Amino acid sequence: MSKFTFNRFISYFFRGLLFVVPLALTIYIIYQTLEWLDGLIPVNIPGLGLIIIIVNITFLGYLASFFITRPFFDQLEKYLVKIPLVNIIYTSVKDLIGAFVGEQKRFNVPVTVAMTEDKSVLKVGFVTRNDLAEIDLPGYMSVYLPHSYNFSGNHFLVKKSNVKPLHMNGTNAMKFVVSGGVSGLEEEKKRDANS
C-alpha cells in the first residue's frame, strides 16, 4: 500500500469517526435515558412506562394550574419548604428547572464577564439577577458561568462594569460554552441570516 493510499485511508477513517462517534453517543445517551425513565414504572411493554410518566406529569401540571386544585398544591409546597433538608433540595431543583422552562426563564441573557483587570480574558455566562442591592451589593449582578464539556458551572457575583451583553441567542451561547467554543456560532450566523 503506497503512502498516498494509506494517508487517504486515514483521512477517510477520521472523517467516518467524526460522523459515527457523535451519532452513536447521542443515540446511546438518549437510549439509556429513555430506558431509565421507562424502568421507573415496571411494565412489560417497552415505552409504556415512559408514556405513563409523561401523561401523569402533564396531568399534574394541569391540576396545579386549575383554580380549584391550585390551593392544595400551594399548601403542599409550603409544607415542603418548611422541612430543613427537603427545603434546600426542593427549592434548588425547582428554581433550576424553572430557569430553563418556567415562565421567568433565567438563562436567556448571555453575557461576557471580564476575568482579568485588563479585560483581556472573557468568560461567557448568563445573568440570573440584574441587581444585588437588596443584599448590600449595589453595582453587582449575579452571573452563572457554565463549564465546558460538562453540565455544571459556577455562580459569581460580579461588578456590572465587568459584564458586557453578548449579542447571541441564549441556546446558542450555552452550546458555545458547553462545546468549549467548537459549536454554536454557526447556528447564530444562520439565525442572523434568517432574521
N, C-alpha and C. Protein backbone atom coordinates (compact mmCIF):
# COMPACT_ATOMS: atom_id res chain seq x y z
N MET A 1 0.85 -1.19 0.00
CA MET A 1 0.00 0.00 0.00
C MET A 1 0.89 1.24 0.00
N SER A 2 0.68 2.12 -0.93
CA SER A 2 1.52 3.32 -1.02
C SER A 2 1.18 4.30 0.09
N LYS A 3 2.10 5.23 0.31
CA LYS A 3 1.91 6.24 1.35
C LYS A 3 0.68 7.09 1.05
N PHE A 4 0.47 7.42 -0.23
CA PHE A 4 -0.68 8.24 -0.63
C PHE A 4 -1.99 7.52 -0.30
N THR A 5 -2.07 6.24 -0.60
CA THR A 5 -3.28 5.45 -0.33
C THR A 5 -3.50 5.32 1.17
N PHE A 6 -2.40 5.12 1.93
CA PHE A 6 -2.51 5.00 3.38
C PHE A 6 -3.02 6.30 3.99
N ASN A 7 -2.49 7.45 3.54
CA ASN A 7 -2.94 8.76 4.06
C ASN A 7 -4.41 9.00 3.72
N ARG A 8 -4.83 8.59 2.54
CA ARG A 8 -6.23 8.74 2.16
C ARG A 8 -7.11 7.85 3.04
N PHE A 9 -6.64 6.63 3.31
CA PHE A 9 -7.36 5.70 4.17
C PHE A 9 -7.55 6.31 5.56
N ILE A 10 -6.46 6.87 6.13
CA ILE A 10 -6.52 7.50 7.45
C ILE A 10 -7.48 8.69 7.43
N SER A 11 -7.44 9.48 6.36
CA SER A 11 -8.33 10.64 6.23
C SER A 11 -9.78 10.20 6.22
N TYR A 12 -10.11 9.17 5.45
CA TYR A 12 -11.48 8.66 5.40
C TYR A 12 -11.90 8.08 6.75
N PHE A 13 -10.95 7.41 7.41
CA PHE A 13 -11.27 6.83 8.72
C PHE A 13 -11.66 7.92 9.71
N PHE A 14 -10.86 8.99 9.78
CA PHE A 14 -11.16 10.08 10.72
C PHE A 14 -12.45 10.81 10.35
N ARG A 15 -12.71 10.96 9.07
CA ARG A 15 -13.95 11.58 8.63
C ARG A 15 -15.14 10.73 9.07
N GLY A 16 -15.01 9.42 8.92
CA GLY A 16 -16.06 8.50 9.37
C GLY A 16 -16.21 8.53 10.87
N LEU A 17 -15.08 8.64 11.59
CA LEU A 17 -15.10 8.72 13.05
C LEU A 17 -15.86 9.95 13.50
N LEU A 18 -15.63 11.08 12.82
CA LEU A 18 -16.33 12.32 13.18
C LEU A 18 -17.84 12.21 12.98
N PHE A 19 -18.26 11.35 12.08
CA PHE A 19 -19.69 11.15 11.85
C PHE A 19 -20.26 10.11 12.82
N VAL A 20 -19.56 8.98 12.99
CA VAL A 20 -20.11 7.85 13.75
C VAL A 20 -20.12 8.09 15.26
N VAL A 21 -19.01 8.60 15.82
CA VAL A 21 -18.92 8.71 17.28
C VAL A 21 -19.97 9.66 17.87
N PRO A 22 -20.14 10.90 17.37
CA PRO A 22 -21.19 11.76 17.94
C PRO A 22 -22.58 11.15 17.77
N LEU A 23 -22.85 10.54 16.61
CA LEU A 23 -24.15 9.93 16.37
C LEU A 23 -24.38 8.76 17.33
N ALA A 24 -23.37 7.90 17.47
CA ALA A 24 -23.50 6.73 18.35
C ALA A 24 -23.68 7.16 19.81
N LEU A 25 -22.90 8.15 20.25
CA LEU A 25 -23.03 8.62 21.64
C LEU A 25 -24.39 9.26 21.89
N THR A 26 -24.87 10.04 20.93
CA THR A 26 -26.18 10.67 21.07
C THR A 26 -27.26 9.61 21.19
N ILE A 27 -27.23 8.63 20.30
CA ILE A 27 -28.22 7.55 20.34
C ILE A 27 -28.12 6.78 21.65
N TYR A 28 -26.89 6.49 22.09
CA TYR A 28 -26.67 5.74 23.33
C TYR A 28 -27.22 6.49 24.54
N ILE A 29 -26.91 7.81 24.64
CA ILE A 29 -27.37 8.61 25.78
C ILE A 29 -28.89 8.70 25.79
N ILE A 30 -29.49 8.95 24.61
CA ILE A 30 -30.95 9.02 24.54
C ILE A 30 -31.56 7.67 24.91
N TYR A 31 -30.99 6.59 24.40
CA TYR A 31 -31.50 5.25 24.68
C TYR A 31 -31.42 4.95 26.18
N GLN A 32 -30.26 5.23 26.80
CA GLN A 32 -30.09 4.96 28.23
C GLN A 32 -31.06 5.80 29.07
N THR A 33 -31.24 7.05 28.68
CA THR A 33 -32.17 7.92 29.42
C THR A 33 -33.60 7.40 29.31
N LEU A 34 -34.01 7.05 28.09
CA LEU A 34 -35.36 6.51 27.89
C LEU A 34 -35.53 5.17 28.61
N GLU A 35 -34.49 4.35 28.58
CA GLU A 35 -34.52 3.05 29.27
C GLU A 35 -34.69 3.25 30.77
N TRP A 36 -33.95 4.22 31.32
CA TRP A 36 -34.04 4.51 32.76
C TRP A 36 -35.44 5.03 33.11
N LEU A 37 -35.93 6.00 32.31
CA LEU A 37 -37.26 6.55 32.57
C LEU A 37 -38.34 5.47 32.44
N ASP A 38 -38.20 4.63 31.42
CA ASP A 38 -39.17 3.57 31.19
C ASP A 38 -39.16 2.56 32.34
N GLY A 39 -37.99 2.37 32.95
CA GLY A 39 -37.86 1.42 34.05
C GLY A 39 -38.42 1.92 35.36
N LEU A 40 -38.75 3.21 35.45
CA LEU A 40 -39.33 3.73 36.69
C LEU A 40 -40.69 3.10 36.98
N ILE A 41 -41.43 2.78 35.93
CA ILE A 41 -42.71 2.09 36.09
C ILE A 41 -42.56 0.74 35.38
N PRO A 42 -42.42 -0.34 36.18
CA PRO A 42 -42.17 -1.66 35.56
C PRO A 42 -43.39 -2.21 34.82
N VAL A 43 -43.37 -2.03 33.51
CA VAL A 43 -44.42 -2.56 32.64
C VAL A 43 -43.71 -3.36 31.57
N ASN A 44 -44.29 -4.48 31.14
CA ASN A 44 -43.62 -5.35 30.18
C ASN A 44 -43.62 -4.82 28.74
N ILE A 45 -44.33 -3.74 28.47
CA ILE A 45 -44.36 -3.18 27.12
C ILE A 45 -43.36 -2.03 27.04
N PRO A 46 -42.32 -2.16 26.21
CA PRO A 46 -41.31 -1.09 26.11
C PRO A 46 -41.93 0.24 25.69
N GLY A 47 -41.57 1.29 26.42
CA GLY A 47 -42.06 2.62 26.11
C GLY A 47 -43.33 3.01 26.86
N LEU A 48 -44.07 2.03 27.35
CA LEU A 48 -45.34 2.33 28.04
C LEU A 48 -45.09 3.05 29.37
N GLY A 49 -44.02 2.65 30.08
CA GLY A 49 -43.69 3.32 31.35
C GLY A 49 -43.40 4.79 31.14
N LEU A 50 -42.65 5.10 30.07
CA LEU A 50 -42.32 6.49 29.74
C LEU A 50 -43.58 7.27 29.39
N ILE A 51 -44.46 6.67 28.62
CA ILE A 51 -45.71 7.33 28.24
C ILE A 51 -46.56 7.61 29.47
N ILE A 52 -46.63 6.65 30.39
CA ILE A 52 -47.40 6.83 31.63
C ILE A 52 -46.82 7.98 32.45
N ILE A 53 -45.49 8.05 32.54
CA ILE A 53 -44.85 9.14 33.29
C ILE A 53 -45.17 10.50 32.66
N ILE A 54 -45.05 10.60 31.33
CA ILE A 54 -45.32 11.87 30.63
C ILE A 54 -46.77 12.29 30.83
N VAL A 55 -47.70 11.34 30.70
CA VAL A 55 -49.13 11.65 30.89
C VAL A 55 -49.40 12.11 32.31
N ASN A 56 -48.82 11.42 33.29
CA ASN A 56 -49.05 11.80 34.70
C ASN A 56 -48.45 13.17 35.02
N ILE A 57 -47.26 13.46 34.53
CA ILE A 57 -46.65 14.78 34.77
C ILE A 57 -47.49 15.88 34.14
N THR A 58 -47.96 15.64 32.92
CA THR A 58 -48.81 16.61 32.24
C THR A 58 -50.12 16.81 32.99
N PHE A 59 -50.70 15.72 33.49
CA PHE A 59 -51.96 15.80 34.24
C PHE A 59 -51.75 16.58 35.55
N LEU A 60 -50.62 16.33 36.24
CA LEU A 60 -50.33 17.07 37.47
C LEU A 60 -50.12 18.56 37.17
N GLY A 61 -49.49 18.86 36.04
CA GLY A 61 -49.33 20.26 35.62
C GLY A 61 -50.66 20.92 35.38
N TYR A 62 -51.58 20.17 34.79
CA TYR A 62 -52.92 20.68 34.55
C TYR A 62 -53.63 20.93 35.88
N LEU A 63 -53.54 19.97 36.81
CA LEU A 63 -54.18 20.12 38.12
C LEU A 63 -53.59 21.30 38.89
N ALA A 64 -52.26 21.47 38.80
CA ALA A 64 -51.60 22.55 39.54
C ALA A 64 -51.99 23.93 39.01
N SER A 65 -52.44 24.01 37.76
CA SER A 65 -52.84 25.30 37.22
C SER A 65 -54.35 25.51 37.26
N PHE A 66 -55.09 24.49 37.65
CA PHE A 66 -56.54 24.57 37.73
C PHE A 66 -56.92 25.29 39.01
N PHE A 67 -57.81 26.28 38.95
CA PHE A 67 -58.07 27.15 40.10
C PHE A 67 -58.62 26.42 41.32
N ILE A 68 -59.28 25.30 41.16
CA ILE A 68 -59.85 24.57 42.31
C ILE A 68 -58.76 23.80 43.06
N THR A 69 -57.85 23.17 42.34
CA THR A 69 -56.82 22.33 42.98
C THR A 69 -55.53 23.09 43.28
N ARG A 70 -55.36 24.28 42.72
CA ARG A 70 -54.12 25.05 42.93
C ARG A 70 -53.83 25.30 44.41
N PRO A 71 -54.82 25.67 45.24
CA PRO A 71 -54.52 25.89 46.67
C PRO A 71 -53.93 24.65 47.35
N PHE A 72 -54.35 23.46 46.93
CA PHE A 72 -53.80 22.22 47.50
C PHE A 72 -52.31 22.12 47.20
N PHE A 73 -51.91 22.38 45.94
CA PHE A 73 -50.50 22.31 45.55
C PHE A 73 -49.69 23.41 46.24
N ASP A 74 -50.27 24.60 46.37
CA ASP A 74 -49.58 25.69 47.07
C ASP A 74 -49.34 25.34 48.54
N GLN A 75 -50.35 24.73 49.17
CA GLN A 75 -50.22 24.33 50.57
C GLN A 75 -49.17 23.24 50.74
N LEU A 76 -49.17 22.26 49.82
CA LEU A 76 -48.18 21.19 49.86
C LEU A 76 -46.77 21.77 49.73
N GLU A 77 -46.61 22.74 48.85
CA GLU A 77 -45.30 23.36 48.67
C GLU A 77 -44.87 24.12 49.92
N LYS A 78 -45.81 24.78 50.59
CA LYS A 78 -45.48 25.49 51.83
C LYS A 78 -44.96 24.54 52.89
N TYR A 79 -45.57 23.35 52.97
CA TYR A 79 -45.11 22.34 53.94
C TYR A 79 -43.73 21.81 53.56
N LEU A 80 -43.50 21.60 52.28
CA LEU A 80 -42.21 21.07 51.82
C LEU A 80 -41.07 22.02 52.15
N VAL A 81 -41.28 23.32 51.95
CA VAL A 81 -40.19 24.27 52.18
C VAL A 81 -39.93 24.51 53.67
N LYS A 82 -40.77 24.00 54.55
CA LYS A 82 -40.54 24.12 55.99
C LYS A 82 -39.64 23.01 56.52
N ILE A 83 -39.47 21.93 55.77
CA ILE A 83 -38.62 20.82 56.19
C ILE A 83 -37.18 21.17 55.83
N PRO A 84 -36.26 21.22 56.81
CA PRO A 84 -34.91 21.76 56.57
C PRO A 84 -34.16 21.20 55.35
N LEU A 85 -33.86 19.94 55.26
CA LEU A 85 -33.07 19.41 54.15
C LEU A 85 -33.89 19.37 52.86
N VAL A 86 -35.16 19.03 52.99
CA VAL A 86 -36.05 18.98 51.82
C VAL A 86 -36.16 20.36 51.21
N ASN A 87 -36.19 21.39 52.03
CA ASN A 87 -36.30 22.77 51.56
C ASN A 87 -35.16 23.11 50.59
N ILE A 88 -33.93 22.79 50.96
CA ILE A 88 -32.77 23.11 50.12
C ILE A 88 -32.85 22.38 48.79
N ILE A 89 -33.12 21.08 48.84
CA ILE A 89 -33.16 20.28 47.61
C ILE A 89 -34.33 20.71 46.73
N TYR A 90 -35.51 20.81 47.32
CA TYR A 90 -36.73 21.11 46.55
C TYR A 90 -36.64 22.47 45.88
N THR A 91 -36.29 23.50 46.64
CA THR A 91 -36.26 24.85 46.06
C THR A 91 -35.14 25.00 45.02
N SER A 92 -33.99 24.36 45.27
CA SER A 92 -32.89 24.44 44.31
C SER A 92 -33.27 23.79 42.98
N VAL A 93 -33.84 22.58 43.07
CA VAL A 93 -34.23 21.86 41.84
C VAL A 93 -35.35 22.61 41.14
N LYS A 94 -36.32 23.11 41.90
CA LYS A 94 -37.44 23.84 41.29
C LYS A 94 -36.94 25.11 40.59
N ASP A 95 -36.05 25.85 41.23
CA ASP A 95 -35.52 27.08 40.62
C ASP A 95 -34.69 26.77 39.39
N LEU A 96 -33.90 25.68 39.43
CA LEU A 96 -33.08 25.31 38.28
C LEU A 96 -33.95 24.93 37.09
N ILE A 97 -34.96 24.10 37.32
CA ILE A 97 -35.85 23.70 36.23
C ILE A 97 -36.63 24.91 35.73
N GLY A 98 -37.08 25.76 36.65
CA GLY A 98 -37.80 26.97 36.26
C GLY A 98 -36.94 27.92 35.45
N ALA A 99 -35.62 27.91 35.69
CA ALA A 99 -34.72 28.77 34.92
C ALA A 99 -34.68 28.38 33.46
N PHE A 100 -34.92 27.10 33.17
CA PHE A 100 -34.90 26.64 31.78
C PHE A 100 -36.28 26.63 31.15
N VAL A 101 -37.32 26.21 31.89
CA VAL A 101 -38.63 26.02 31.27
C VAL A 101 -39.75 26.82 31.93
N GLY A 102 -39.46 27.55 32.97
CA GLY A 102 -40.51 28.28 33.66
C GLY A 102 -40.95 29.53 32.93
N GLU A 103 -41.90 30.24 33.54
CA GLU A 103 -42.39 31.47 32.94
C GLU A 103 -41.32 32.56 32.94
N GLN A 104 -40.44 32.53 33.96
CA GLN A 104 -39.36 33.52 34.04
C GLN A 104 -38.03 32.82 33.77
N LYS A 105 -37.77 32.52 32.52
CA LYS A 105 -36.53 31.84 32.15
C LYS A 105 -35.34 32.70 32.56
N ARG A 106 -34.31 32.06 33.11
CA ARG A 106 -33.15 32.80 33.61
C ARG A 106 -31.95 32.74 32.67
N PHE A 107 -31.79 31.65 31.92
CA PHE A 107 -30.59 31.51 31.10
C PHE A 107 -30.83 31.98 29.67
N ASN A 108 -31.43 33.14 29.52
CA ASN A 108 -31.69 33.67 28.18
C ASN A 108 -31.02 35.03 27.95
N VAL A 109 -30.17 35.46 28.89
CA VAL A 109 -29.43 36.71 28.72
C VAL A 109 -27.94 36.39 28.78
N PRO A 110 -27.33 36.04 27.64
CA PRO A 110 -25.91 35.73 27.64
C PRO A 110 -25.06 36.99 27.74
N VAL A 111 -23.96 36.88 28.48
CA VAL A 111 -23.05 38.00 28.67
C VAL A 111 -21.61 37.48 28.65
N THR A 112 -20.67 38.40 28.53
CA THR A 112 -19.27 38.06 28.76
C THR A 112 -18.86 38.72 30.07
N VAL A 113 -18.03 38.02 30.84
CA VAL A 113 -17.54 38.53 32.11
C VAL A 113 -16.03 38.64 32.03
N ALA A 114 -15.51 39.83 32.32
CA ALA A 114 -14.06 40.04 32.32
C ALA A 114 -13.46 39.33 33.52
N MET A 115 -12.52 38.42 33.26
CA MET A 115 -11.91 37.64 34.33
C MET A 115 -10.57 38.24 34.79
N THR A 116 -10.05 39.21 34.05
CA THR A 116 -8.81 39.88 34.43
C THR A 116 -9.05 41.38 34.48
N GLU A 117 -8.16 42.07 35.17
CA GLU A 117 -8.34 43.51 35.34
C GLU A 117 -8.28 44.27 34.02
N ASP A 118 -7.43 43.81 33.10
CA ASP A 118 -7.32 44.49 31.81
C ASP A 118 -8.39 44.03 30.81
N LYS A 119 -9.28 43.17 31.24
CA LYS A 119 -10.41 42.66 30.45
C LYS A 119 -9.97 41.95 29.18
N SER A 120 -8.80 41.30 29.24
CA SER A 120 -8.30 40.58 28.08
C SER A 120 -8.76 39.12 28.07
N VAL A 121 -9.23 38.62 29.22
CA VAL A 121 -9.76 37.25 29.30
C VAL A 121 -11.24 37.35 29.66
N LEU A 122 -12.09 36.80 28.78
CA LEU A 122 -13.54 36.86 28.98
C LEU A 122 -14.10 35.45 29.15
N LYS A 123 -15.18 35.34 29.90
CA LYS A 123 -15.88 34.07 30.05
C LYS A 123 -17.34 34.33 29.75
N VAL A 124 -17.97 33.38 29.04
CA VAL A 124 -19.39 33.52 28.69
C VAL A 124 -20.23 33.01 29.85
N GLY A 125 -21.26 33.78 30.18
CA GLY A 125 -22.16 33.40 31.27
C GLY A 125 -23.57 33.88 31.00
N PHE A 126 -24.43 33.70 31.99
CA PHE A 126 -25.84 34.08 31.87
C PHE A 126 -26.26 34.84 33.12
N VAL A 127 -26.89 35.99 32.91
CA VAL A 127 -27.35 36.82 34.02
C VAL A 127 -28.53 36.11 34.70
N THR A 128 -28.43 35.95 36.03
CA THR A 128 -29.55 35.37 36.78
C THR A 128 -30.24 36.43 37.64
N ARG A 129 -29.52 37.50 37.99
CA ARG A 129 -30.12 38.66 38.66
C ARG A 129 -29.36 39.91 38.22
N ASN A 130 -30.13 40.94 37.84
CA ASN A 130 -29.52 42.18 37.35
C ASN A 130 -28.99 43.08 38.45
N ASP A 131 -29.54 42.97 39.65
CA ASP A 131 -29.16 43.89 40.71
C ASP A 131 -29.14 43.15 42.04
N LEU A 132 -28.10 43.41 42.85
CA LEU A 132 -27.97 42.75 44.15
C LEU A 132 -27.96 43.76 45.29
N ALA A 133 -28.60 44.91 45.07
CA ALA A 133 -28.66 45.95 46.10
C ALA A 133 -29.38 45.45 47.35
N GLU A 134 -30.33 44.52 47.16
CA GLU A 134 -31.10 44.01 48.31
C GLU A 134 -30.25 43.22 49.29
N ILE A 135 -29.05 42.79 48.87
CA ILE A 135 -28.15 42.11 49.81
C ILE A 135 -26.87 42.96 50.01
N ASP A 136 -27.04 44.28 49.93
CA ASP A 136 -25.98 45.26 50.16
C ASP A 136 -24.80 45.11 49.20
N LEU A 137 -25.10 44.79 47.94
CA LEU A 137 -24.08 44.74 46.90
C LEU A 137 -24.53 45.57 45.70
N PRO A 138 -24.71 46.89 45.91
CA PRO A 138 -25.12 47.72 44.76
C PRO A 138 -24.00 47.73 43.71
N GLY A 139 -24.40 47.74 42.46
CA GLY A 139 -23.42 47.74 41.39
C GLY A 139 -22.94 46.34 41.01
N TYR A 140 -23.49 45.32 41.67
CA TYR A 140 -23.14 43.93 41.35
C TYR A 140 -24.34 43.23 40.73
N MET A 141 -24.05 42.17 40.00
CA MET A 141 -25.11 41.33 39.44
C MET A 141 -24.71 39.87 39.63
N SER A 142 -25.69 39.00 39.48
CA SER A 142 -25.47 37.57 39.65
C SER A 142 -25.36 36.92 38.27
N VAL A 143 -24.25 36.19 38.05
CA VAL A 143 -23.99 35.58 36.75
C VAL A 143 -23.61 34.12 36.94
N TYR A 144 -24.23 33.26 36.13
CA TYR A 144 -23.91 31.83 36.14
C TYR A 144 -22.96 31.55 34.98
N LEU A 145 -21.82 30.94 35.28
CA LEU A 145 -20.81 30.63 34.26
C LEU A 145 -20.72 29.11 34.11
N PRO A 146 -21.32 28.56 33.05
CA PRO A 146 -21.28 27.10 32.86
C PRO A 146 -19.89 26.62 32.46
N HIS A 147 -19.62 25.34 32.75
CA HIS A 147 -18.36 24.72 32.37
C HIS A 147 -18.46 24.13 30.97
N SER A 148 -17.32 24.01 30.31
CA SER A 148 -17.28 23.36 29.01
C SER A 148 -17.25 21.85 29.19
N TYR A 149 -17.87 21.14 28.24
CA TYR A 149 -17.94 19.67 28.24
C TYR A 149 -18.43 19.12 29.56
N ASN A 150 -19.40 19.80 30.14
CA ASN A 150 -19.93 19.39 31.42
C ASN A 150 -21.28 20.06 31.61
N PHE A 151 -22.09 19.51 32.50
CA PHE A 151 -23.37 20.14 32.81
C PHE A 151 -23.32 20.69 34.22
N SER A 152 -22.29 21.44 34.50
CA SER A 152 -22.15 22.11 35.78
C SER A 152 -21.62 23.51 35.51
N GLY A 153 -21.42 24.27 36.55
CA GLY A 153 -20.91 25.62 36.38
C GLY A 153 -20.68 26.27 37.72
N ASN A 154 -20.31 27.54 37.69
CA ASN A 154 -20.07 28.31 38.91
C ASN A 154 -20.96 29.54 38.90
N HIS A 155 -21.30 29.96 40.10
CA HIS A 155 -22.12 31.15 40.27
C HIS A 155 -21.23 32.25 40.84
N PHE A 156 -21.22 33.42 40.19
CA PHE A 156 -20.39 34.53 40.64
C PHE A 156 -21.24 35.78 40.84
N LEU A 157 -20.82 36.59 41.81
CA LEU A 157 -21.37 37.93 41.99
C LEU A 157 -20.32 38.87 41.39
N VAL A 158 -20.70 39.57 40.34
CA VAL A 158 -19.75 40.30 39.50
C VAL A 158 -20.11 41.78 39.43
N LYS A 159 -19.09 42.64 39.43
CA LYS A 159 -19.34 44.07 39.23
C LYS A 159 -19.95 44.27 37.85
N LYS A 160 -20.95 45.11 37.77
CA LYS A 160 -21.64 45.36 36.50
C LYS A 160 -20.68 45.88 35.43
N SER A 161 -19.65 46.60 35.85
CA SER A 161 -18.70 47.15 34.88
C SER A 161 -17.88 46.06 34.20
N ASN A 162 -17.84 44.87 34.78
CA ASN A 162 -17.11 43.74 34.18
C ASN A 162 -17.99 42.86 33.31
N VAL A 163 -19.25 43.22 33.18
CA VAL A 163 -20.19 42.40 32.41
C VAL A 163 -20.63 43.17 31.17
N LYS A 164 -20.60 42.48 30.05
CA LYS A 164 -20.98 43.09 28.78
C LYS A 164 -21.97 42.16 28.08
N PRO A 165 -23.07 42.69 27.54
CA PRO A 165 -24.03 41.83 26.84
C PRO A 165 -23.37 41.11 25.66
N LEU A 166 -23.75 39.87 25.47
CA LEU A 166 -23.26 39.09 24.34
C LEU A 166 -24.41 38.99 23.35
N HIS A 167 -24.25 39.53 22.18
CA HIS A 167 -25.33 39.55 21.20
C HIS A 167 -25.43 38.19 20.53
N MET A 168 -26.11 37.30 21.27
CA MET A 168 -26.20 35.91 20.86
C MET A 168 -27.44 35.30 21.50
N ASN A 169 -28.09 34.39 20.80
CA ASN A 169 -29.22 33.66 21.33
C ASN A 169 -28.76 32.83 22.54
N GLY A 170 -29.60 32.75 23.59
CA GLY A 170 -29.23 32.03 24.81
C GLY A 170 -28.88 30.57 24.56
N THR A 171 -29.65 29.89 23.71
CA THR A 171 -29.40 28.48 23.41
C THR A 171 -28.06 28.31 22.71
N ASN A 172 -27.77 29.16 21.73
CA ASN A 172 -26.50 29.07 21.01
C ASN A 172 -25.33 29.43 21.90
N ALA A 173 -25.53 30.38 22.82
CA ALA A 173 -24.47 30.74 23.75
C ALA A 173 -24.15 29.57 24.68
N MET A 174 -25.19 28.87 25.16
CA MET A 174 -24.96 27.70 26.03
C MET A 174 -24.24 26.61 25.25
N LYS A 175 -24.64 26.40 24.00
CA LYS A 175 -23.98 25.40 23.15
C LYS A 175 -22.51 25.78 22.94
N PHE A 176 -22.25 27.06 22.75
CA PHE A 176 -20.89 27.57 22.54
C PHE A 176 -20.01 27.26 23.76
N VAL A 177 -20.56 27.50 24.96
CA VAL A 177 -19.79 27.27 26.19
C VAL A 177 -19.58 25.79 26.44
N VAL A 178 -20.67 25.01 26.38
CA VAL A 178 -20.59 23.59 26.71
C VAL A 178 -19.67 22.85 25.74
N SER A 179 -19.64 23.28 24.47
CA SER A 179 -18.78 22.62 23.49
C SER A 179 -17.35 23.14 23.52
N GLY A 180 -17.04 24.03 24.44
CA GLY A 180 -15.69 24.58 24.51
C GLY A 180 -15.40 25.54 23.37
N GLY A 181 -16.43 26.15 22.80
CA GLY A 181 -16.26 27.11 21.72
C GLY A 181 -16.26 26.48 20.34
N VAL A 182 -16.52 25.18 20.28
CA VAL A 182 -16.48 24.48 19.00
C VAL A 182 -17.75 24.71 18.19
N SER A 183 -18.92 24.71 18.84
CA SER A 183 -20.17 24.91 18.10
C SER A 183 -21.00 26.02 18.73
N GLY A 184 -22.04 26.42 18.02
CA GLY A 184 -22.92 27.49 18.50
C GLY A 184 -22.85 28.71 17.62
N LEU A 185 -21.67 29.01 17.08
CA LEU A 185 -21.53 30.21 16.25
C LEU A 185 -22.18 30.03 14.88
N GLU A 186 -22.10 28.80 14.33
CA GLU A 186 -22.71 28.55 13.02
C GLU A 186 -24.22 28.75 13.09
N GLU A 187 -24.84 28.23 14.17
CA GLU A 187 -26.28 28.38 14.35
C GLU A 187 -26.66 29.85 14.50
N GLU A 188 -25.77 30.61 15.17
CA GLU A 188 -26.04 32.04 15.37
C GLU A 188 -25.97 32.78 14.03
N LYS A 189 -25.02 32.41 13.18
CA LYS A 189 -24.93 33.03 11.85
C LYS A 189 -26.17 32.74 11.03
N LYS A 190 -26.65 31.48 11.08
CA LYS A 190 -27.86 31.10 10.35
C LYS A 190 -29.07 31.88 10.86
N ARG A 191 -29.14 32.04 12.20
CA ARG A 191 -30.26 32.77 12.81
C ARG A 191 -30.25 34.22 12.36
N ASP A 192 -29.05 34.83 12.35
CA ASP A 192 -28.94 36.23 11.89
C ASP A 192 -29.29 36.38 10.43
N ALA A 193 -28.90 35.38 9.63
CA ALA A 193 -29.20 35.43 8.19
C ALA A 193 -30.69 35.31 7.93
N ASN A 194 -31.40 34.54 8.76
CA ASN A 194 -32.83 34.32 8.57
C ASN A 194 -33.67 35.47 9.13
N SER A 195 -33.09 36.28 10.00
CA SER A 195 -33.89 37.36 10.61
C SER A 195 -33.75 38.65 9.86
